[in-house]
Amino acid sequence: MTKIKINRDKEFILHIKKFTTAKLMKKTKEKDHYIKQIFKLNEAGEKVSVSALSKLFNVSKSSVSNMLKKLSLMELVDTSPYSSIKLTQKGRKFAKEVVAKHRLIESFLVEVMEFKPDQVHEIAEEIEHINSPIFFSKVRKMLKQDTIDPHGSNIPKTDF
């Protein structure tokens, strides 16, 4: 908490941490992609590092470090020194939602709309960011098979 005196009669108190956290919580595709990729790397049993994410996203290590600081402040990742980057419980829940949305959309596009599996990734990348739990629940209900996506990956169970 920080106090700022405007003049001798008025004093404003800013709740810096709350403001910062609220600002960071703003949904962005970039944050979703980082969380999703960390989840996928963990799912594959790979260790997650700044270098690995830098190569994966084709960005500088300092860009990755900056994003990880934000994700850490949001309590989505654990970046303990000398260990691989891990999702927190909150981060895993969030990642499962993003991954489930992506894989459900891919399945929907193949099963219902008759796209070919190699045509659906980019479309799913855009749709996965929609914030509508009822939409994704209905997509799941429309599918005959909602546990494996068209590429053979498991679709996480989640309530959105």
C-alpha atoms as a PDB file:
ATOM      1  CA  MET A   1       0.000   0.000   0.000  1.00  0.00           C
ATOM      2  CA  THR A   2       1.385   3.432  -0.935  1.00  0.00           C
ATOM      3  CA  LYS A   3       0.166   6.797   0.299  1.00  0.00           C
ATOM      4  CA  ILE A   4       0.404   9.797  -1.979  1.00  0.00           C
ATOM      5  CA  LYS A   5      -0.181  13.285  -0.632  1.00  0.00           C
ATOM      6  CA  ILE A   6      -1.698  15.567  -3.265  1.00  0.00           C
ATOM      7  CA  ASN A   7      -1.860  18.553  -0.970  1.00  0.00           C
ATOM      8  CA  ARG A   8      -1.975  18.904   2.795  1.00  0.00           C
ATOM      9  CA  ASP A   9      -5.739  18.251   2.892  1.00  0.00           C
ATOM     10  CA  LYS A  10      -6.023  15.236   0.595  1.00  0.00           C
ATOM     11  CA  GLU A  11      -4.254  11.985   0.819  1.00  0.00           C
ATOM     12  CA  PHE A  12      -4.803   9.105  -1.588  1.00  0.00           C
ATOM     13  CA  ILE A  13      -3.951   5.534  -0.849  1.00  0.00           C
ATOM     14  CA  LEU A  14      -3.056   3.347  -3.768  1.00  0.00           C
ATOM     15  CA  HIS A  15      -3.173  -0.379  -3.502  1.00  0.00           C
ATOM     16  CA  ILE A  16      -0.248  -1.024  -5.823  1.00  0.00           C
ATOM     17  CA  LYS A  17      -0.217  -4.804  -5.592  1.00  0.00           C
ATOM     18  CA  LYS A  18      -3.933  -5.101  -6.368  1.00  0.00           C
ATOM     19  CA  PHE A  19      -3.621  -2.680  -9.274  1.00  0.00           C
ATOM     20  CA  THR A  20      -0.603  -4.499 -10.671  1.00  0.00           C
ATOM     21  CA  THR A  21      -2.231  -7.916 -10.321  1.00  0.00           C
ATOM     22  CA  ALA A  22      -5.472  -6.687 -11.901  1.00  0.00           C
ATOM     23  CA  LYS A  23      -3.515  -5.188 -14.783  1.00  0.00           C
ATOM     24  CA  LEU A  24      -1.586  -8.433 -15.250  1.00  0.00           C
ATOM     25  CA  MET A  25      -4.770 -10.515 -15.141  1.00  0.00           C
ATOM     26  CA  LYS A  26      -5.924  -8.856 -18.336  1.00  0.00           C
ATOM     27  CA  LYS A  27      -6.322 -11.725 -20.746  1.00  0.00           C
ATOM     28  CA  THR A  28      -3.868 -11.792 -23.609  1.00  0.00           C
ATOM     29  CA  LYS A  29      -3.160 -14.393 -26.239  1.00  0.00           C
ATOM     30  CA  GLU A  30       0.543 -14.212 -25.450  1.00  0.00           C
ATOM     31  CA  LYS A  31       0.013 -15.202 -21.805  1.00  0.00           C
ATOM     32  CA  ASP A  32      -2.296 -18.028 -22.872  1.00  0.00           C
ATOM     33  CA  HIS A  33       0.326 -19.304 -25.312  1.00  0.00           C
ATOM     34  CA  TYR A  34       3.082 -19.310 -22.708  1.00  0.00           C
ATOM     35  CA  ILE A  35       0.945 -21.196 -20.199  1.00  0.00           C
ATOM     36  CA  LYS A  36      -0.220 -23.629 -22.888  1.00  0.00           C
ATOM     37  CA  GLN A  37       3.316 -24.353 -24.088  1.00  0.00           C
ATOM     38  CA  ILE A  38       4.638 -24.858 -20.551  1.00  0.00           C
ATOM     39  CA  PHE A  39       1.752 -27.300 -19.981  1.00  0.00           C
ATOM     40  CA  LYS A  40       2.510 -29.178 -23.222  1.00  0.00           C
ATOM     41  CA  LEU A  41       6.229 -29.416 -22.421  1.00  0.00           C
ATOM     42  CA  ASN A  42       5.405 -30.718 -18.937  1.00  0.00           C
ATOM     43  CA  GLU A  43       2.893 -33.148 -20.477  1.00  0.00           C
ATOM     44  CA  ALA A  44       5.676 -34.476 -22.725  1.00  0.00           C
ATOM     45  CA  GLY A  45       7.987 -34.877 -19.715  1.00  0.00           C
ATOM     46  CA  GLU A  46      10.370 -32.162 -20.885  1.00  0.00           C
ATOM     47  CA  LYS A  47      12.065 -29.672 -18.587  1.00  0.00           C
ATOM     48  CA  VAL A  48      11.004 -26.088 -19.182  1.00  0.00           C
ATOM     49  CA  SER A  49      13.662 -23.387 -19.187  1.00  0.00           C
ATOM     50  CA  VAL A  50      13.986 -19.797 -20.352  1.00  0.00           C
ATOM     51  CA  SER A  51      16.199 -21.045 -23.202  1.00  0.00           C
ATOM     52  CA  ALA A  52      13.662 -23.667 -24.300  1.00  0.00           C
ATOM     53  CA  LEU A  53      10.823 -21.114 -24.335  1.00  0.00           C
ATOM     54  CA  SER A  54      13.031 -18.586 -26.115  1.00  0.00           C
ATOM     55  CA  LYS A  55      13.683 -21.089 -28.921  1.00  0.00           C
ATOM     56  CA  LEU A  56      10.071 -22.238 -29.020  1.00  0.00           C
ATOM     57  CA  PHE A  57       8.657 -18.714 -29.385  1.00  0.00           C
ATOM     58  CA  ASN A  58      11.637 -17.376 -31.358  1.00  0.00           C
ATOM     59  CA  VAL A  59      12.063 -14.444 -28.961  1.00  0.00           C
ATOM     60  CA  SER A  60      14.901 -13.220 -26.770  1.00  0.00           C
ATOM     61  CA  LYS A  61      15.571 -14.732 -23.363  1.00  0.00           C
ATOM     62  CA  SER A  62      14.865 -11.345 -21.785  1.00  0.00           C
ATOM     63  CA  SER A  63      11.382 -11.329 -23.387  1.00  0.00           C
ATOM     64  CA  VAL A  64      10.725 -14.770 -21.917  1.00  0.00           C
ATOM     65  CA  SER A  65      12.016 -13.661 -18.506  1.00  0.00           C
ATOM     66  CA  ASN A  66       9.725 -10.626 -18.561  1.00  0.00           C
ATOM     67  CA  MET A  67       6.694 -12.766 -19.359  1.00  0.00           C
ATOM     68  CA  LEU A  68       7.635 -15.288 -16.679  1.00  0.00           C
ATOM     69  CA  LYS A  69       7.825 -12.471 -14.118  1.00  0.00           C
ATOM     70  CA  LYS A  70       4.262 -11.480 -15.014  1.00  0.00           C
ATOM     71  CA  LEU A  71       3.044 -15.068 -14.893  1.00  0.00           C
ATOM     72  CA  SER A  72       4.782 -15.528 -11.554  1.00  0.00           C
ATOM     73  CA  LEU A  73       3.102 -12.422 -10.121  1.00  0.00           C
ATOM     74  CA  MET A  74      -0.192 -13.872 -11.319  1.00  0.00           C
ATOM     75  CA  GLU A  75       0.723 -17.062  -9.414  1.00  0.00           C
ATOM     76  CA  LEU A  76       0.544 -19.167 -12.583  1.00  0.00           C
ATOM     77  CA  VAL A  77       4.166 -20.351 -12.681  1.00  0.00           C
ATOM     78  CA  ASP A  78       6.917 -21.253 -10.259  1.00  0.00           C
ATOM     79  CA  THR A  79      10.303 -19.995 -11.404  1.00  0.00           C
ATOM     80  CA  SER A  80      12.450 -21.168  -8.477  1.00  0.00           C
ATOM     81  CA  PRO A  81      16.170 -20.714  -9.199  1.00  0.00           C
ATOM     82  CA  TYR A  82      18.086 -23.752 -10.509  1.00  0.00           C
ATOM     83  CA  SER A  83      14.960 -25.753 -11.317  1.00  0.00           C
ATOM     84  CA  SER A  84      12.744 -26.067 -14.345  1.00  0.00           C
ATOM     85  CA  ILE A  85       9.779 -23.749 -14.758  1.00  0.00           C
ATOM     86  CA  LYS A  86       6.612 -25.327 -13.431  1.00  0.00           C
ATOM     87  CA  LEU A  87       2.962 -24.436 -13.442  1.00  0.00           C
ATOM     88  CA  THR A  88       1.373 -23.777 -10.077  1.00  0.00           C
ATOM     89  CA  GLN A  89      -1.937 -25.437  -9.231  1.00  0.00           C
ATOM     90  CA  LYS A  90      -3.692 -22.292 -10.477  1.00  0.00           C
ATOM     91  CA  GLY A  91      -1.509 -22.342 -13.606  1.00  0.00           C
ATOM     92  CA  ARG A  92      -2.306 -26.010 -14.327  1.00  0.00           C
ATOM     93  CA  LYS A  93      -6.040 -25.327 -14.031  1.00  0.00           C
ATOM     94  CA  PHE A  94      -5.759 -22.361 -16.397  1.00  0.00           C
ATOM     95  CA  ALA A  95      -3.568 -24.313 -18.843  1.00  0.00           C
ATOM     96  CA  LYS A  96      -5.977 -27.258 -18.893  1.00  0.00           C
ATOM     97  CA  GLU A  97      -8.790 -24.874 -19.832  1.00  0.00           C
ATOM     98  CA  VAL A  98      -6.824 -23.313 -22.710  1.00  0.00           C
ATOM     99  CA  VAL A  99      -5.578 -26.691 -23.984  1.00  0.00           C
ATOM    100  CA  ALA A 100      -9.046 -28.257 -23.684  1.00  0.00           C
ATOM    101  CA  LYS A 101     -10.603 -25.364 -25.625  1.00  0.00           C
ATOM    102  CA  HIS A 102      -7.995 -25.689 -28.372  1.00  0.00           C
ATOM    103  CA  ARG A 103      -8.332 -29.449 -28.708  1.00  0.00           C
ATOM    104  CA  LEU A 104     -12.144 -29.404 -28.521  1.00  0.00           C
ATOM    105  CA  ILE A 105     -12.272 -26.810 -31.305  1.00  0.00           C
ATOM    106  CA  GLU A 106      -9.932 -28.908 -33.438  1.00  0.00           C
ATOM    107  CA  SER A 107     -12.163 -31.939 -32.839  1.00  0.00           C
ATOM    108  CA  PHE A 108     -15.301 -29.942 -33.621  1.00  0.00           C
ATOM    109  CA  LEU A 109     -13.829 -28.612 -36.855  1.00  0.00           C
ATOM    110  CA  VAL A 110     -12.878 -32.120 -38.009  1.00  0.00           C
ATOM    111  CA  GLU A 111     -15.893 -34.073 -36.752  1.00  0.00           C
ATOM    112  CA  VAL A 112     -18.726 -31.598 -37.341  1.00  0.00           C
ATOM    113  CA  MET A 113     -17.452 -29.204 -39.992  1.00  0.00           C
ATOM    114  CA  GLU A 114     -15.453 -31.830 -41.914  1.00  0.00           C
ATOM    115  CA  PHE A 115     -12.134 -29.991 -42.014  1.00  0.00           C
ATOM    116  CA  LYS A 116      -9.016 -32.074 -42.452  1.00  0.00           C
ATOM    117  CA  PRO A 117      -6.866 -32.426 -39.301  1.00  0.00           C
ATOM    118  CA  ASP A 118      -4.021 -30.462 -40.892  1.00  0.00           C
ATOM    119  CA  GLN A 119      -6.353 -27.489 -41.500  1.00  0.00           C
ATOM    120  CA  VAL A 120      -7.616 -26.856 -37.961  1.00  0.00           C
ATOM    121  CA  HIS A 121      -4.699 -25.712 -35.804  1.00  0.00           C
ATOM    122  CA  GLU A 122      -4.622 -22.047 -36.828  1.00  0.00           C
ATOM    123  CA  ILE A 123      -8.398 -21.708 -36.509  1.00  0.00           C
ATOM    124  CA  ALA A 124      -8.309 -23.290 -33.038  1.00  0.00           C
ATOM    125  CA  GLU A 125      -5.474 -20.908 -32.061  1.00  0.00           C
ATOM    126  CA  GLU A 126      -7.870 -17.996 -32.560  1.00  0.00           C
ATOM    127  CA  ILE A 127     -11.035 -19.510 -31.081  1.00  0.00           C
ATOM    128  CA  GLU A 128      -9.374 -20.883 -27.907  1.00  0.00           C
ATOM    129  CA  HIS A 129      -9.224 -17.355 -26.448  1.00  0.00           C
ATOM    130  CA  ILE A 130     -12.983 -16.868 -26.376  1.00  0.00           C
ATOM    131  CA  ASN A 131     -14.185 -16.465 -22.809  1.00  0.00           C
ATOM    132  CA  SER A 132     -17.489 -18.329 -22.938  1.00  0.00           C
ATOM    133  CA  PRO A 133     -17.751 -21.434 -20.764  1.00  0.00           C
ATOM    134  CA  ILE A 134     -21.199 -22.277 -22.129  1.00  0.00           C
ATOM    135  CA  PHE A 135     -19.880 -22.203 -25.707  1.00  0.00           C
ATOM    136  CA  PHE A 136     -17.121 -24.727 -24.977  1.00  0.00           C
ATOM    137  CA  SER A 137     -19.436 -26.907 -22.893  1.00  0.00           C
ATOM    138  CA  LYS A 138     -21.838 -27.073 -25.832  1.00  0.00           C
ATOM    139  CA  VAL A 139     -19.010 -27.852 -28.255  1.00  0.00           C
ATOM    140  CA  ARG A 140     -17.984 -30.750 -25.979  1.00  0.00           C
ATOM    141  CA  LYS A 141     -21.591 -32.059 -25.888  1.00  0.00           C
ATOM    142  CA  MET A 142     -21.858 -31.937 -29.690  1.00  0.00           C
ATOM    143  CA  LEU A 143     -18.863 -34.227 -30.161  1.00  0.00           C
ATOM    144  CA  LYS A 144     -19.242 -37.990 -30.380  1.00  0.00           C
ATOM    145  CA  GLN A 145     -15.724 -38.406 -29.021  1.00  0.00           C
ATOM    146  CA  ASP A 146     -14.444 -35.758 -26.586  1.00  0.00           C
ATOM    147  CA  THR A 147     -11.362 -37.348 -25.039  1.00  0.00           C
ATOM    148  CA  ILE A 148      -8.814 -37.402 -27.917  1.00  0.00           C
ATOM    149  CA  ASP A 149      -8.290 -34.632 -30.474  1.00  0.00           C
ATOM    150  CA  PRO A 150      -7.740 -35.290 -34.208  1.00  0.00           C
ATOM    151  CA  HIS A 151      -3.964 -35.360 -33.674  1.00  0.00           C
ATOM    152  CA  GLY A 152      -4.131 -38.042 -30.962  1.00  0.00           C
ATOM    153  CA  SER A 153      -3.638 -35.772 -27.938  1.00  0.00           C
ATOM    154  CA  ASN A 154      -5.742 -36.119 -24.799  1.00  0.00           C
ATOM    155  CA  ILE A 155      -8.378 -33.459 -24.242  1.00  0.00           C
ATOM    156  CA  PRO A 156      -8.203 -32.435 -20.582  1.00  0.00           C
ATOM    157  CA  LYS A 157     -11.417 -32.668 -18.570  1.00  0.00           C
ATOM    158  CA  THR A 158     -12.354 -29.242 -17.259  1.00  0.00           C
ATOM    159  CA  ASP A 159     -15.418 -27.268 -16.215  1.00  0.00           C
ATOM    160  CA  PHE A 160     -14.232 -24.111 -18.011  1.00  0.00           C
END
